[in-house]
Protein backbone atom coordinates (compact mmCIF):
# COMPACT_ATOMS: atom_id res chain seq x y z
CA MET A 1 2.61 -103.70 97.90
CA ALA A 2 4.60 -104.96 100.68
CA SER A 3 5.64 -101.17 101.18
CA ASN A 4 1.91 -100.18 101.69
CA THR A 5 0.91 -102.92 104.43
CA SER A 6 3.99 -102.05 106.66
CA SER A 7 3.31 -97.99 106.52
CA LEU A 8 -0.71 -99.23 107.56
CA LYS A 9 0.33 -101.38 110.42
CA PHE A 10 2.78 -98.12 111.74
CA PHE A 11 -0.01 -95.83 111.09
CA SER A 12 -2.38 -97.95 112.76
CA LEU A 13 -0.18 -98.29 115.36
CA LEU A 14 1.21 -95.10 116.03
CA ILE A 15 -2.95 -94.10 116.23
CA SER A 16 -3.63 -96.56 118.73
CA SER A 17 -0.03 -95.84 120.72
CA LEU A 18 -1.25 -91.88 120.87
CA ALA A 19 -4.94 -92.71 121.56
CA ILE A 20 -3.49 -94.76 124.61
CA VAL A 21 -1.09 -92.11 125.83
CA GLN A 22 -4.30 -89.43 125.72
CA MET A 23 -6.18 -91.55 127.73
CA ALA A 24 -3.52 -92.10 130.92
CA ILE A 25 -2.70 -88.30 130.82
CA ALA A 26 -6.91 -87.17 130.83
CA ASP A 27 -8.50 -85.82 133.22
CA PRO A 28 -9.38 -88.13 136.50
CA ASP A 29 -13.45 -88.85 135.79
CA ILE A 30 -15.33 -85.74 137.30
CA LEU A 31 -16.71 -87.89 139.81
CA THR A 32 -13.69 -88.71 141.62
CA ASP A 33 -12.97 -84.75 141.59
CA PHE A 34 -15.43 -84.07 144.60
CA VAL A 35 -16.01 -86.10 148.19
CA ALA A 36 -19.54 -85.32 149.76
CA PRO A 37 -20.25 -84.98 153.11
CA PRO A 38 -22.28 -87.65 154.88
CA ASN A 39 -25.93 -86.49 155.45
CA GLY A 40 -25.56 -83.93 153.02
CA THR A 41 -28.07 -82.33 150.42
CA ALA A 42 -26.21 -80.06 147.08
CA THR A 43 -28.79 -77.29 146.73
CA MET A 44 -28.03 -73.80 145.89
CA ALA A 45 -28.01 -73.28 149.90
CA GLU A 46 -25.13 -75.50 150.47
CA PHE A 47 -23.56 -75.52 146.64
CA PRO A 48 -23.70 -72.10 145.11
CA ALA A 49 -22.29 -73.45 142.17
CA LEU A 50 -25.20 -75.29 141.38
CA ASN A 51 -26.91 -72.04 140.52
CA GLY A 52 -28.24 -71.58 136.90
CA GLN A 53 -27.31 -75.18 136.59
CA SER A 54 -30.94 -76.85 137.83
CA VAL A 55 -29.84 -80.39 139.28
CA SER A 56 -29.48 -80.38 142.96
CA TYR A 57 -28.90 -84.30 144.56
CA ALA A 58 -29.99 -85.82 148.28
CA VAL A 59 -28.81 -88.55 149.99
CA LEU A 60 -31.53 -90.73 151.83
CA GLU A 61 -30.44 -92.93 154.29
CA PHE A 62 -33.17 -95.37 155.78
CA PRO A 63 -32.45 -97.33 158.52
CA SER A 64 -34.62 -100.65 159.14
CA GLY A 65 -38.07 -100.31 159.20
CA THR A 66 -37.81 -96.63 158.17
CA THR A 67 -40.11 -94.34 155.60
CA ASN A 68 -39.98 -91.11 153.94
CA PRO A 69 -43.33 -90.15 154.30
CA PRO A 70 -46.06 -89.35 151.60
CA HIS A 71 -44.87 -85.99 149.90
CA THR A 72 -44.13 -83.96 146.69
CA HIS A 73 -41.66 -82.26 144.85
CA PRO A 74 -43.72 -79.29 143.05
CA ARG A 75 -40.87 -77.81 141.07
CA SER A 76 -39.17 -81.06 139.53
CA ALA A 77 -38.90 -84.55 139.37
CA GLU A 78 -37.32 -87.18 141.22
CA LEU A 79 -34.64 -89.94 139.83
CA LEU A 80 -34.19 -92.28 142.88
CA PHE A 81 -31.01 -94.65 142.49
CA LEU A 82 -30.70 -96.86 145.32
CA VAL A 83 -27.02 -97.76 146.31
CA GLY A 84 -27.67 -100.38 148.83
CA GLY A 85 -30.66 -102.29 150.52
CA THR A 86 -34.44 -102.55 149.72
CA LEU A 87 -36.75 -100.25 149.09
CA GLU A 88 -40.99 -100.21 148.32
CA VAL A 89 -41.66 -96.79 146.66
CA GLY A 90 -44.76 -95.82 144.91
CA PHE A 91 -46.60 -93.03 143.68
CA VAL A 92 -50.18 -91.87 142.79
CA ASP A 93 -50.96 -90.21 139.69
CA THR A 94 -52.98 -87.88 138.42
CA LYS A 95 -56.49 -90.34 138.24
CA ASN A 96 -55.82 -91.44 141.86
CA ASN A 97 -53.99 -94.54 140.53
CA LEU A 98 -51.10 -96.20 142.65
CA PHE A 99 -48.11 -97.20 141.15
CA THR A 100 -45.45 -98.93 143.39
CA GLN A 101 -42.21 -101.35 142.79
CA THR A 102 -39.88 -103.01 144.81
CA LEU A 103 -35.94 -101.70 144.35
CA LYS A 104 -32.94 -104.01 144.87
CA ALA A 105 -29.42 -102.08 144.87
CA GLY A 106 -28.99 -101.14 141.58
CA ASP A 107 -32.32 -100.33 140.48
CA LEU A 108 -33.72 -96.94 139.47
CA PHE A 109 -37.16 -95.01 139.95
CA VAL A 110 -38.64 -92.03 138.91
CA PHE A 111 -41.20 -90.06 141.00
CA PRO A 112 -43.10 -87.86 138.08
CA LYS A 113 -43.05 -84.01 139.25
CA GLY A 114 -45.67 -83.12 141.44
CA LEU A 115 -46.97 -86.33 142.28
CA VAL A 116 -47.19 -87.63 145.91
CA HIS A 117 -44.86 -90.26 146.69
CA PHE A 118 -42.91 -92.32 148.87
CA GLN A 119 -40.32 -94.46 149.87
CA TYR A 120 -40.55 -97.34 153.10
CA ASN A 121 -37.34 -99.92 153.87
CA PRO A 122 -39.24 -102.72 154.90
CA ASP A 123 -36.32 -105.01 156.10
CA SER A 124 -36.30 -105.75 159.59
CA GLN A 125 -32.76 -106.40 159.85
CA ASN A 126 -30.36 -104.06 156.83
CA PRO A 127 -30.69 -100.35 156.43
CA ALA A 128 -31.31 -98.97 153.24
CA LEU A 129 -29.57 -95.84 151.06
CA ALA A 130 -30.25 -94.17 148.29
CA ILE A 131 -29.73 -90.85 146.07
CA SER A 132 -32.05 -88.68 144.57
CA SER A 133 -31.01 -85.88 141.83
CA PHE A 134 -33.77 -83.24 141.00
CA GLY A 135 -33.91 -81.44 137.74
CA SER A 136 -34.37 -77.79 139.92
CA ALA A 137 -31.79 -76.59 142.03
CA SER A 138 -34.66 -75.97 144.40
CA ALA A 139 -36.85 -78.76 144.15
CA GLY A 140 -38.94 -78.11 147.24
CA THR A 141 -40.56 -80.67 149.12
CA VAL A 142 -44.26 -80.91 150.65
CA SER A 143 -44.61 -83.46 153.50
CA ILE A 144 -48.15 -84.73 153.25
CA PRO A 145 -48.64 -85.61 156.87
CA THR A 146 -46.91 -82.25 158.34
CA THR A 147 -48.81 -79.93 155.36
CA LEU A 148 -51.96 -81.05 157.08
CA PHE A 149 -51.61 -81.78 161.05
CA ALA A 150 -48.81 -80.02 161.89
CA THR A 151 -50.46 -76.32 160.35
CA ASN A 152 -53.51 -74.27 162.08
CA ILE A 153 -55.60 -76.48 159.50
CA ASP A 154 -59.31 -76.34 161.32
CA ASP A 155 -59.64 -80.00 162.92
CA ASN A 156 -63.26 -79.42 161.69
CA VAL A 157 -62.63 -78.97 157.95
CA LEU A 158 -59.70 -82.24 158.43
CA ALA A 159 -62.31 -84.25 160.21
CA LEU A 160 -64.65 -83.85 157.54
CA SER A 161 -62.22 -83.70 154.73
CA PHE A 162 -61.34 -87.36 156.27
CA LYS A 163 -64.53 -88.66 156.99
CA THR A 164 -63.95 -89.24 160.79
CA ASP A 165 -63.83 -87.19 164.32
CA VAL A 166 -62.41 -84.19 165.90
CA PRO A 167 -60.28 -86.03 167.86
CA THR A 168 -59.17 -88.43 165.71
CA ILE A 169 -57.40 -85.48 163.74
CA GLN A 170 -56.84 -84.05 167.72
CA LYS A 171 -54.45 -87.55 168.58
CA LEU A 172 -52.71 -86.64 164.49
CA LYS A 173 -51.87 -83.63 165.53
CA ALA A 174 -50.59 -84.46 168.63
CA GLY A 175 -47.94 -86.81 167.15
CA PHE A 176 -46.85 -83.89 164.43
CA ALA A 177 -46.75 -81.41 167.72
CA PRO A 178 -42.88 -80.13 168.19
CA LYS A 179 -40.71 -81.68 170.79
CA PRO A 180 -39.94 -79.09 173.96
């Protein structure tokens, strides 16, 4: 009986030792194998290895009081991870319901594919840093203000659509005109 107990202890110790050795000689975590450049994205244009992988990401920096204006991603949902700071985020569903949340560092938020959404840093003192990932190598971004006011949509069409007058539309368009 003592022999069986000794053998069991020996094999348990041997298996544990092999597991520890295996962990010590294993490859490092994949996240430590890459160094991401600052202010960069990883779409197929910048990172061809994404071709066929259906993923991309973006690093979003929000100085205090700034916003990422209402926009959509027509080919993917967005998963936003807040690294630091505070963000107010929200999206509008297909029934015109607004969903908002105030995020703190470490929080995640999902913006469904194709829905209008935004991010805003309400902190007047501190920046916010977020990482967004997409389930597409080319999620696309359609900025609502730019799409409406930096294109040649007729002023009358926009005035009627927004129930305002043409001079108001022209003022809005002037804010989106290219800078010389």
